[in-house]
Protein backbone atom coordinates (compact mmCIF):
# COMPACT_ATOMS: atom_id res chain seq x y z
CA MET A 1 11.69 5.72 5.24
CA LYS A 2 11.62 9.06 7.02
CA GLN A 3 10.22 8.79 10.52
CA ASP A 4 8.25 11.57 12.14
CA GLY A 5 6.35 12.12 15.35
CA ASN A 6 3.08 10.97 13.76
CA ASP A 7 4.18 7.38 13.15
CA ARG A 8 2.79 4.70 15.39
CA ILE A 9 2.27 0.97 15.37
CA ILE A 10 -1.21 -0.12 14.33
CA MET A 11 -2.74 -3.52 14.96
CA ALA A 12 -4.60 -5.72 12.47
CA PRO A 13 -8.12 -4.30 13.10
CA GLU A 14 -6.97 -0.76 12.25
CA ARG A 15 -4.94 -2.03 9.29
CA ARG A 16 -8.09 -3.78 8.01
CA GLU A 17 -9.98 -0.47 8.18
CA LEU A 18 -7.29 1.22 6.09
CA VAL A 19 -6.67 -1.69 3.69
CA PRO A 20 -9.69 -4.02 3.51
CA TYR A 21 -7.76 -7.09 2.36
CA SER A 22 -7.89 -10.43 4.14
CA ASP A 23 -5.08 -11.29 6.53
CA MET A 24 -3.94 -14.03 4.15
CA HIS A 25 -3.78 -11.63 1.19
CA ILE A 26 -1.77 -9.13 3.26
CA TRP A 27 0.60 -11.94 4.26
CA ARG A 28 1.07 -12.90 0.58
CA LEU A 29 1.73 -9.29 -0.40
CA GLU A 30 4.28 -8.95 2.41
CA LYS A 31 6.08 -12.11 1.31
CA ALA A 32 6.17 -10.81 -2.27
CA GLY A 33 7.59 -7.46 -1.09
CA LYS A 34 4.48 -5.59 -2.23
CA PHE A 35 3.21 -4.47 1.18
CA PRO A 36 4.95 -3.03 4.25
CA GLN A 37 6.41 -5.72 6.48
CA ARG A 38 4.81 -6.38 9.83
CA ILE A 39 6.74 -5.56 12.98
CA LYS A 40 7.12 -8.33 15.52
CA LEU A 41 6.24 -6.86 18.90
CA ASN A 42 6.91 -9.81 21.19
CA PRO A 43 8.04 -13.44 21.05
CA ASN A 44 4.44 -14.69 21.37
CA GLY A 45 3.52 -13.61 17.87
CA ARG A 46 1.91 -10.21 18.40
CA VAL A 47 2.56 -8.01 15.37
CA GLY A 48 1.72 -4.55 14.11
CA TRP A 49 2.44 -2.26 11.17
CA SER A 50 3.86 1.22 10.85
CA LEU A 51 0.98 3.60 10.17
CA GLN A 52 3.23 5.84 8.05
CA GLU A 53 4.36 2.89 5.92
CA ILE A 54 0.75 1.81 5.34
CA LEU A 55 -0.27 5.36 4.40
CA ALA A 56 2.71 5.65 2.04
CA TRP A 57 1.69 2.33 0.43
CA ILE A 58 -1.84 3.67 -0.11
CA GLU A 59 -0.46 6.89 -1.64
CA ALA A 60 1.73 4.83 -3.98
CA ARG A 61 -1.36 2.92 -5.17
CA LYS A 62 -3.07 6.25 -5.87
CA ALA A 63 -0.04 7.47 -7.83
CA GLU A 64 -0.02 4.26 -9.89
CA ARG A 65 -3.70 4.77 -10.66
CA LYS A 66 -3.11 8.34 -11.84
CA ALA A 67 -0.13 7.28 -13.96
CA ALA A 68 -2.12 4.46 -15.56
CA ALA A 69 -5.01 6.81 -16.34
CA ALA A 70 -2.66 9.38 -17.88
CA SER A 71 -0.99 6.69 -19.98
CA TYR A 72 -4.38 5.43 -21.18
CA CYS A 73 -5.48 8.94 -22.16
CA GLN A 74 -2.26 9.57 -24.11
CA HIS A 75 -2.61 6.23 -25.90
CA ARG A 76 -6.23 6.94 -26.76
CA GLU A 77 -5.42 10.42 -28.11
CA LYS A 78 -2.75 8.94 -30.39
CA ARG A 79 -5.20 6.36 -31.71
CA LEU A 80 -7.84 9.02 -32.40
CA LYS A 81 -5.35 11.22 -34.31
CA ARG A 82 -4.45 8.46 -36.77
CA PRO A 83 -5.49 9.21 -40.37
């Protein structure tokens, strides 16, 4: 992923504001490769996430939504045009 000067590490409370999923659900998504991986910050277990990766993940969800809506509309138009 392209890094820029606006990227920073965010902690769980800020991540929860951006993505209101439970910690356990986020963990499951990470393990399945469907959410950005956490970054281990120290050996004691403190972790964070890349803000840019989280924002990119959100944008990808929006793009999927738009693609699904467009696909639905095309399918519906075809059904309505049937004789």
